[in-house]
Amino acid sequence: MDDPLSQALSEPAPATPATSCSMRPIGETLETLRRQILTVLNAHFFDAGVVDEAIPLVHATFIDSGSIRIVARRAEPAYEASVAVNVRSVRAATGDADHDEIEATGVIRRLRERQWDEHAFRIEIVSESDGTRWVDAAALTAELTTAIRRFA
């Protein structure tokens, strides 16, 4: 098959957990990550639709938070991937540095009549010193591949 996920089935990939770094506007961060994750999920493997849920940003005195939820489906074989990204922007009350905390997780399920199997996969978020973040698309593809291999 020609799609990136199928090509990556033969390649192992190291994954690292999400990280924290200096702040950017939370809406900008979420939108950037959403677009990048959708690009990976729409890259030919998930052919039965991708749905993302808009979750409103919450602004508090010193903490803003926001999330994205994405579900992608494949018709045959029947798979469903669910992705969640949670971002908290913490503004310092006194002299401490402002920072974002980002948690990104995913679960892939093989849908069968009798039982559903599922495996978690990591989503690597790369943080630059200027506060920009991006999804490591190659690592995400490899993580999905590894999770799918577990069904065999």
N, C-alpha and C. Protein backbone atom coordinates (compact mmCIF):
# COMPACT_ATOMS: atom_id res chain seq x y z
N MET A 1 0.84 -1.18 0.00
CA MET A 1 0.00 0.00 0.00
C MET A 1 0.88 1.25 0.00
N ASP A 2 0.35 2.34 -0.50
CA ASP A 2 1.14 3.56 -0.66
C ASP A 2 1.03 4.54 0.51
N ASP A 3 0.08 4.34 1.41
CA ASP A 3 -0.11 5.34 2.45
C ASP A 3 1.03 5.28 3.48
N PRO A 4 1.33 6.40 4.14
CA PRO A 4 2.46 6.48 5.06
C PRO A 4 2.37 5.49 6.22
N LEU A 5 1.18 5.24 6.72
CA LEU A 5 1.04 4.33 7.85
C LEU A 5 1.39 2.91 7.43
N SER A 6 0.96 2.48 6.29
CA SER A 6 1.29 1.15 5.80
C SER A 6 2.78 1.02 5.52
N GLN A 7 3.39 2.06 4.95
CA GLN A 7 4.82 2.03 4.68
C GLN A 7 5.64 1.94 5.96
N ALA A 8 5.13 2.53 7.02
CA ALA A 8 5.87 2.56 8.27
C ALA A 8 5.74 1.27 9.07
N LEU A 9 4.91 0.33 8.63
CA LEU A 9 4.73 -0.90 9.38
C LEU A 9 6.03 -1.67 9.57
N SER A 10 6.99 -1.47 8.70
CA SER A 10 8.25 -2.20 8.81
C SER A 10 9.33 -1.41 9.55
N GLU A 11 9.02 -0.21 10.00
CA GLU A 11 10.03 0.63 10.65
C GLU A 11 9.67 0.91 12.10
N PRO A 12 10.56 0.57 13.06
CA PRO A 12 10.31 0.95 14.45
C PRO A 12 10.60 2.43 14.66
N ALA A 13 9.93 3.04 15.64
CA ALA A 13 10.18 4.46 15.90
C ALA A 13 10.21 4.72 17.40
N PRO A 14 11.21 5.46 17.86
CA PRO A 14 11.23 5.84 19.27
C PRO A 14 10.21 6.94 19.52
N ALA A 15 9.62 6.94 20.70
CA ALA A 15 8.66 7.98 21.04
C ALA A 15 9.04 8.58 22.38
N THR A 16 8.77 9.88 22.52
CA THR A 16 9.04 10.54 23.78
C THR A 16 7.78 11.24 24.24
N PRO A 17 7.61 11.42 25.53
CA PRO A 17 6.40 12.07 26.03
C PRO A 17 6.36 13.56 25.69
N ALA A 18 5.15 14.13 25.80
CA ALA A 18 4.98 15.56 25.54
C ALA A 18 5.76 16.37 26.58
N THR A 19 5.93 17.65 26.29
CA THR A 19 6.82 18.46 27.12
C THR A 19 6.18 19.80 27.49
N SER A 20 6.88 20.61 28.26
CA SER A 20 6.45 21.96 28.63
C SER A 20 7.48 22.96 28.14
N CYS A 21 7.04 24.18 27.81
CA CYS A 21 7.98 25.25 27.48
C CYS A 21 7.26 26.58 27.55
N SER A 22 7.89 27.65 27.10
CA SER A 22 7.31 28.98 27.23
C SER A 22 6.00 29.11 26.46
N MET A 23 5.25 30.14 26.79
CA MET A 23 3.86 30.26 26.33
C MET A 23 3.70 30.91 24.96
N ARG A 24 2.70 30.49 24.25
CA ARG A 24 2.14 31.10 23.06
C ARG A 24 0.64 31.18 23.33
N PRO A 25 -0.13 31.93 22.55
CA PRO A 25 -1.57 31.94 22.77
C PRO A 25 -2.13 30.51 22.67
N ILE A 26 -2.95 30.14 23.65
CA ILE A 26 -3.42 28.76 23.75
C ILE A 26 -4.25 28.35 22.52
N GLY A 27 -5.05 29.26 22.01
CA GLY A 27 -5.85 28.96 20.81
C GLY A 27 -4.97 28.66 19.61
N GLU A 28 -3.89 29.42 19.47
CA GLU A 28 -2.94 29.20 18.38
C GLU A 28 -2.26 27.84 18.50
N THR A 29 -1.84 27.51 19.71
CA THR A 29 -1.19 26.22 19.96
C THR A 29 -2.13 25.07 19.62
N LEU A 30 -3.36 25.14 20.11
CA LEU A 30 -4.33 24.06 19.85
C LEU A 30 -4.64 23.92 18.37
N GLU A 31 -4.81 25.03 17.68
CA GLU A 31 -5.13 24.97 16.25
C GLU A 31 -3.97 24.39 15.44
N THR A 32 -2.75 24.76 15.78
CA THR A 32 -1.58 24.22 15.09
C THR A 32 -1.50 22.71 15.28
N LEU A 33 -1.65 22.25 16.52
CA LEU A 33 -1.58 20.82 16.80
C LEU A 33 -2.73 20.07 16.13
N ARG A 34 -3.93 20.66 16.15
CA ARG A 34 -5.09 20.03 15.53
C ARG A 34 -4.86 19.81 14.04
N ARG A 35 -4.40 20.85 13.35
CA ARG A 35 -4.15 20.74 11.90
C ARG A 35 -3.11 19.66 11.60
N GLN A 36 -2.05 19.62 12.39
CA GLN A 36 -0.99 18.66 12.14
C GLN A 36 -1.45 17.22 12.41
N ILE A 37 -2.21 17.01 13.46
CA ILE A 37 -2.72 15.66 13.74
C ILE A 37 -3.71 15.23 12.67
N LEU A 38 -4.58 16.14 12.25
CA LEU A 38 -5.53 15.82 11.17
C LEU A 38 -4.79 15.44 9.88
N THR A 39 -3.71 16.13 9.58
CA THR A 39 -2.92 15.81 8.39
C THR A 39 -2.41 14.37 8.45
N VAL A 40 -1.88 13.96 9.59
CA VAL A 40 -1.39 12.58 9.73
C VAL A 40 -2.54 11.59 9.61
N LEU A 41 -3.64 11.85 10.31
CA LEU A 41 -4.75 10.90 10.31
C LEU A 41 -5.43 10.81 8.94
N ASN A 42 -5.43 11.89 8.21
CA ASN A 42 -6.06 11.89 6.88
C ASN A 42 -5.15 11.36 5.78
N ALA A 43 -3.93 10.98 6.12
CA ALA A 43 -2.96 10.53 5.11
C ALA A 43 -3.28 9.12 4.63
N HIS A 44 -4.44 8.92 4.09
CA HIS A 44 -4.85 7.72 3.37
C HIS A 44 -5.25 6.52 4.22
N PHE A 45 -4.78 6.38 5.44
CA PHE A 45 -5.10 5.18 6.19
C PHE A 45 -6.51 5.22 6.76
N PHE A 46 -6.89 6.32 7.36
CA PHE A 46 -8.23 6.44 7.95
C PHE A 46 -9.16 6.98 6.88
N ASP A 47 -9.90 6.09 6.25
CA ASP A 47 -10.69 6.42 5.08
C ASP A 47 -12.19 6.52 5.34
N ALA A 48 -12.64 6.32 6.58
CA ALA A 48 -14.07 6.34 6.88
C ALA A 48 -14.47 7.57 7.68
N GLY A 49 -13.67 8.61 7.60
CA GLY A 49 -14.03 9.88 8.22
C GLY A 49 -13.20 10.24 9.43
N VAL A 50 -12.98 11.52 9.58
CA VAL A 50 -12.28 12.08 10.72
C VAL A 50 -13.16 13.19 11.29
N VAL A 51 -13.39 13.13 12.60
CA VAL A 51 -14.23 14.12 13.26
C VAL A 51 -13.44 14.74 14.39
N ASP A 52 -13.42 16.07 14.44
CA ASP A 52 -12.78 16.70 15.59
C ASP A 52 -13.80 17.52 16.34
N GLU A 53 -13.65 17.52 17.66
CA GLU A 53 -14.60 18.17 18.55
C GLU A 53 -14.03 19.49 19.02
N ALA A 54 -14.81 20.53 18.89
CA ALA A 54 -14.39 21.85 19.37
C ALA A 54 -14.74 21.96 20.85
N ILE A 55 -13.73 22.14 21.68
CA ILE A 55 -13.93 22.29 23.12
C ILE A 55 -13.54 23.72 23.48
N PRO A 56 -14.46 24.47 24.09
CA PRO A 56 -14.16 25.88 24.39
C PRO A 56 -12.96 26.04 25.32
N LEU A 57 -12.25 27.15 25.12
CA LEU A 57 -11.15 27.49 26.03
C LEU A 57 -11.73 27.97 27.35
N VAL A 58 -11.04 27.67 28.43
CA VAL A 58 -11.45 28.11 29.75
C VAL A 58 -10.38 29.08 30.26
N HIS A 59 -10.81 30.28 30.62
CA HIS A 59 -9.88 31.29 31.13
C HIS A 59 -10.14 31.49 32.63
N ALA A 60 -9.09 31.31 33.41
CA ALA A 60 -9.17 31.54 34.85
C ALA A 60 -8.15 32.61 35.20
N THR A 61 -8.02 32.91 36.46
CA THR A 61 -7.12 33.97 36.88
C THR A 61 -5.69 33.75 36.42
N PHE A 62 -5.12 32.59 36.73
CA PHE A 62 -3.74 32.32 36.37
C PHE A 62 -3.57 31.14 35.42
N ILE A 63 -4.65 30.46 35.09
CA ILE A 63 -4.57 29.28 34.23
C ILE A 63 -5.63 29.34 33.15
N ASP A 64 -5.19 29.17 31.91
CA ASP A 64 -6.10 28.98 30.78
C ASP A 64 -5.95 27.54 30.34
N SER A 65 -7.03 26.93 29.91
CA SER A 65 -6.92 25.55 29.44
C SER A 65 -7.80 25.35 28.22
N GLY A 66 -7.41 24.36 27.44
CA GLY A 66 -8.16 24.02 26.25
C GLY A 66 -7.80 22.61 25.81
N SER A 67 -8.68 22.02 25.02
CA SER A 67 -8.47 20.65 24.57
C SER A 67 -8.96 20.48 23.16
N ILE A 68 -8.42 19.48 22.50
CA ILE A 68 -8.98 19.03 21.23
C ILE A 68 -9.18 17.53 21.34
N ARG A 69 -10.21 17.05 20.70
CA ARG A 69 -10.52 15.63 20.61
C ARG A 69 -10.75 15.31 19.15
N ILE A 70 -10.09 14.25 18.67
CA ILE A 70 -10.22 13.86 17.27
C ILE A 70 -10.47 12.35 17.22
N VAL A 71 -11.43 11.94 16.38
CA VAL A 71 -11.69 10.52 16.16
C VAL A 71 -11.60 10.27 14.66
N ALA A 72 -10.79 9.29 14.28
CA ALA A 72 -10.62 8.92 12.87
C ALA A 72 -10.98 7.45 12.71
N ARG A 73 -11.65 7.12 11.60
CA ARG A 73 -12.08 5.74 11.38
C ARG A 73 -11.58 5.20 10.05
N ARG A 74 -11.36 3.89 10.03
CA ARG A 74 -11.02 3.17 8.81
C ARG A 74 -12.10 2.12 8.61
N ALA A 75 -12.53 1.96 7.36
CA ALA A 75 -13.62 1.03 7.06
C ALA A 75 -13.17 -0.43 7.13
N GLU A 76 -12.12 -0.78 6.41
CA GLU A 76 -11.70 -2.18 6.33
C GLU A 76 -10.19 -2.28 6.30
N PRO A 77 -9.56 -2.94 7.23
CA PRO A 77 -10.15 -3.48 8.46
C PRO A 77 -10.65 -2.33 9.34
N ALA A 78 -11.61 -2.62 10.15
CA ALA A 78 -12.29 -1.58 10.94
C ALA A 78 -11.44 -1.15 12.13
N TYR A 79 -10.91 0.07 12.04
CA TYR A 79 -10.12 0.67 13.11
C TYR A 79 -10.73 2.03 13.46
N GLU A 80 -10.50 2.44 14.70
CA GLU A 80 -10.89 3.78 15.14
C GLU A 80 -9.77 4.31 16.02
N ALA A 81 -9.27 5.49 15.69
CA ALA A 81 -8.24 6.14 16.50
C ALA A 81 -8.85 7.36 17.18
N SER A 82 -8.62 7.47 18.48
CA SER A 82 -9.08 8.63 19.25
C SER A 82 -7.85 9.35 19.78
N VAL A 83 -7.82 10.66 19.58
CA VAL A 83 -6.70 11.48 20.02
C VAL A 83 -7.22 12.58 20.93
N ALA A 84 -6.50 12.83 22.01
CA ALA A 84 -6.84 13.92 22.92
C ALA A 84 -5.58 14.73 23.20
N VAL A 85 -5.71 16.05 23.10
CA VAL A 85 -4.61 16.95 23.44
C VAL A 85 -5.17 17.96 24.43
N ASN A 86 -4.53 18.05 25.58
CA ASN A 86 -4.92 19.00 26.62
C ASN A 86 -3.78 19.98 26.85
N VAL A 87 -4.10 21.27 26.85
CA VAL A 87 -3.09 22.31 27.05
C VAL A 87 -3.54 23.20 28.20
N ARG A 88 -2.61 23.44 29.12
CA ARG A 88 -2.84 24.39 30.22
C ARG A 88 -1.76 25.45 30.15
N SER A 89 -2.15 26.70 30.08
CA SER A 89 -1.22 27.82 30.12
C SER A 89 -1.26 28.40 31.53
N VAL A 90 -0.13 28.35 32.20
CA VAL A 90 -0.05 28.81 33.58
C VAL A 90 0.73 30.12 33.60
N ARG A 91 0.05 31.18 34.06
CA ARG A 91 0.69 32.48 34.20
C ARG A 91 1.17 32.62 35.64
N ALA A 92 2.38 33.05 35.80
CA ALA A 92 2.97 33.16 37.13
C ALA A 92 2.37 34.31 37.91
N ALA A 93 2.14 34.07 39.19
CA ALA A 93 1.62 35.12 40.06
C ALA A 93 2.73 36.06 40.51
N THR A 94 3.89 35.50 40.76
CA THR A 94 4.99 36.31 41.27
C THR A 94 6.33 35.85 40.71
N GLY A 95 6.83 36.53 39.75
CA GLY A 95 8.18 36.32 39.29
C GLY A 95 8.55 34.98 38.65
N ASP A 96 7.76 33.93 38.86
CA ASP A 96 8.07 32.65 38.23
C ASP A 96 7.80 32.74 36.74
N ALA A 97 8.40 31.87 35.99
CA ALA A 97 8.22 31.87 34.53
C ALA A 97 6.85 31.31 34.15
N ASP A 98 6.24 31.94 33.16
CA ASP A 98 5.00 31.41 32.59
C ASP A 98 5.34 30.17 31.78
N HIS A 99 4.40 29.23 31.69
CA HIS A 99 4.67 28.03 30.91
C HIS A 99 3.37 27.34 30.49
N ASP A 100 3.48 26.47 29.51
CA ASP A 100 2.38 25.63 29.07
C ASP A 100 2.67 24.20 29.47
N GLU A 101 1.63 23.48 29.78
CA GLU A 101 1.72 22.05 30.02
C GLU A 101 0.87 21.38 28.96
N ILE A 102 1.47 20.46 28.22
CA ILE A 102 0.77 19.81 27.12
C ILE A 102 0.77 18.31 27.35
N GLU A 103 -0.41 17.72 27.27
CA GLU A 103 -0.55 16.27 27.37
C GLU A 103 -1.27 15.80 26.11
N ALA A 104 -0.67 14.88 25.39
CA ALA A 104 -1.26 14.36 24.15
C ALA A 104 -1.27 12.84 24.22
N THR A 105 -2.43 12.25 24.03
CA THR A 105 -2.56 10.79 24.09
C THR A 105 -3.45 10.30 22.96
N GLY A 106 -3.29 9.04 22.65
CA GLY A 106 -4.12 8.43 21.63
C GLY A 106 -4.42 6.98 21.95
N VAL A 107 -5.55 6.50 21.43
CA VAL A 107 -5.96 5.11 21.57
C VAL A 107 -6.46 4.65 20.22
N ILE A 108 -6.00 3.48 19.78
CA ILE A 108 -6.51 2.90 18.55
C ILE A 108 -7.26 1.63 18.91
N ARG A 109 -8.43 1.46 18.29
CA ARG A 109 -9.28 0.30 18.54
C ARG A 109 -9.50 -0.47 17.25
N ARG A 110 -9.46 -1.77 17.35
CA ARG A 110 -9.87 -2.59 16.22
C ARG A 110 -11.30 -3.01 16.53
N LEU A 111 -12.20 -2.63 15.64
CA LEU A 111 -13.62 -2.85 15.88
C LEU A 111 -14.04 -4.21 15.30
N ARG A 112 -14.52 -5.05 16.15
CA ARG A 112 -15.00 -6.37 15.75
C ARG A 112 -16.39 -6.57 16.33
N GLU A 113 -17.11 -7.54 15.78
CA GLU A 113 -18.47 -7.80 16.26
C GLU A 113 -18.48 -8.23 17.73
N ARG A 114 -17.61 -9.14 18.09
CA ARG A 114 -17.67 -9.73 19.43
C ARG A 114 -16.95 -8.90 20.48
N GLN A 115 -15.80 -8.37 20.14
CA GLN A 115 -15.06 -7.58 21.13
C GLN A 115 -14.19 -6.55 20.44
N TRP A 116 -13.96 -5.47 21.15
CA TRP A 116 -13.06 -4.43 20.66
C TRP A 116 -11.72 -4.61 21.34
N ASP A 117 -10.66 -4.55 20.57
CA ASP A 117 -9.31 -4.53 21.12
C ASP A 117 -8.83 -3.09 21.03
N GLU A 118 -8.03 -2.66 22.00
CA GLU A 118 -7.49 -1.31 21.91
C GLU A 118 -6.09 -1.23 22.50
N HIS A 119 -5.32 -0.30 21.96
CA HIS A 119 -3.96 -0.05 22.41
C HIS A 119 -3.71 1.45 22.41
N ALA A 120 -3.00 1.92 23.42
CA ALA A 120 -2.64 3.33 23.52
C ALA A 120 -1.41 3.61 22.67
N PHE A 121 -1.28 4.84 22.21
CA PHE A 121 -0.08 5.29 21.52
C PHE A 121 0.22 6.71 21.94
N ARG A 122 1.49 7.06 21.85
CA ARG A 122 1.94 8.40 22.25
C ARG A 122 1.94 9.35 21.06
N ILE A 123 1.81 10.61 21.38
CA ILE A 123 1.90 11.67 20.38
C ILE A 123 3.01 12.61 20.86
N GLU A 124 4.07 12.66 20.08
CA GLU A 124 5.21 13.49 20.46
C GLU A 124 4.97 14.93 20.03
N ILE A 125 5.01 15.83 21.00
CA ILE A 125 4.89 17.26 20.75
C ILE A 125 6.29 17.85 20.92
N VAL A 126 6.79 18.48 19.88
CA VAL A 126 8.12 19.09 19.92
C VAL A 126 7.94 20.56 20.26
N SER A 127 8.67 21.01 21.26
CA SER A 127 8.58 22.40 21.71
C SER A 127 9.86 23.14 21.34
N GLU A 128 9.69 24.27 20.69
CA GLU A 128 10.83 25.12 20.33
C GLU A 128 11.03 26.17 21.40
N SER A 129 12.21 26.77 21.44
CA SER A 129 12.52 27.76 22.45
C SER A 129 11.66 29.03 22.34
N ASP A 130 11.14 29.31 21.14
CA ASP A 130 10.28 30.48 20.97
C ASP A 130 8.83 30.22 21.37
N GLY A 131 8.54 29.01 21.88
CA GLY A 131 7.20 28.70 22.33
C GLY A 131 6.33 28.00 21.30
N THR A 132 6.80 27.87 20.07
CA THR A 132 6.01 27.15 19.07
C THR A 132 6.10 25.65 19.32
N ARG A 133 5.06 24.96 18.93
CA ARG A 133 5.01 23.52 19.08
C ARG A 133 4.55 22.89 17.79
N TRP A 134 4.98 21.65 17.59
CA TRP A 134 4.53 20.93 16.41
C TRP A 134 4.53 19.43 16.72
N VAL A 135 3.70 18.73 15.98
CA VAL A 135 3.58 17.28 16.13
C VAL A 135 4.64 16.63 15.26
N ASP A 136 5.38 15.69 15.82
CA ASP A 136 6.34 14.92 15.04
C ASP A 136 5.54 13.89 14.24
N ALA A 137 5.26 14.21 12.99
CA ALA A 137 4.40 13.38 12.14
C ALA A 137 4.98 11.99 11.93
N ALA A 138 6.29 11.89 11.74
CA ALA A 138 6.92 10.58 11.53
C ALA A 138 6.78 9.71 12.78
N ALA A 139 6.98 10.30 13.95
CA ALA A 139 6.84 9.54 15.20
C ALA A 139 5.39 9.14 15.42
N LEU A 140 4.43 10.02 15.10
CA LEU A 140 3.02 9.68 15.25
C LEU A 140 2.64 8.53 14.32
N THR A 141 3.10 8.57 13.08
CA THR A 141 2.84 7.48 12.14
C THR A 141 3.44 6.17 12.67
N ALA A 142 4.65 6.24 13.19
CA ALA A 142 5.30 5.04 13.73
C ALA A 142 4.56 4.51 14.96
N GLU A 143 4.08 5.41 15.81
CA GLU A 143 3.32 4.99 16.99
C GLU A 143 2.02 4.29 16.58
N LEU A 144 1.32 4.85 15.60
CA LEU A 144 0.11 4.21 15.09
C LEU A 144 0.43 2.83 14.52
N THR A 145 1.52 2.75 13.79
CA THR A 145 1.94 1.48 13.19
C THR A 145 2.21 0.44 14.27
N THR A 146 2.94 0.82 15.30
CA THR A 146 3.24 -0.10 16.39
C THR A 146 1.96 -0.55 17.08
N ALA A 147 1.04 0.37 17.31
CA ALA A 147 -0.23 0.01 17.95
C ALA A 147 -1.03 -0.96 17.08
N ILE A 148 -1.03 -0.75 15.78
CA ILE A 148 -1.77 -1.64 14.88
C ILE A 148 -1.11 -3.03 14.85
N ARG A 149 0.20 -3.07 14.91
CA ARG A 149 0.91 -4.37 14.95
C ARG A 149 0.49 -5.21 16.14
N ARG A 150 0.16 -4.57 17.22
CA ARG A 150 -0.23 -5.31 18.43
C ARG A 150 -1.51 -6.10 18.23
N PHE A 151 -2.31 -5.76 17.24
CA PHE A 151 -3.54 -6.51 16.97
C PHE A 151 -3.26 -7.86 16.30
N ALA A 152 -2.09 -8.01 15.69
CA ALA A 152 -1.77 -9.25 14.95
C ALA A 152 -1.51 -10.41 15.88
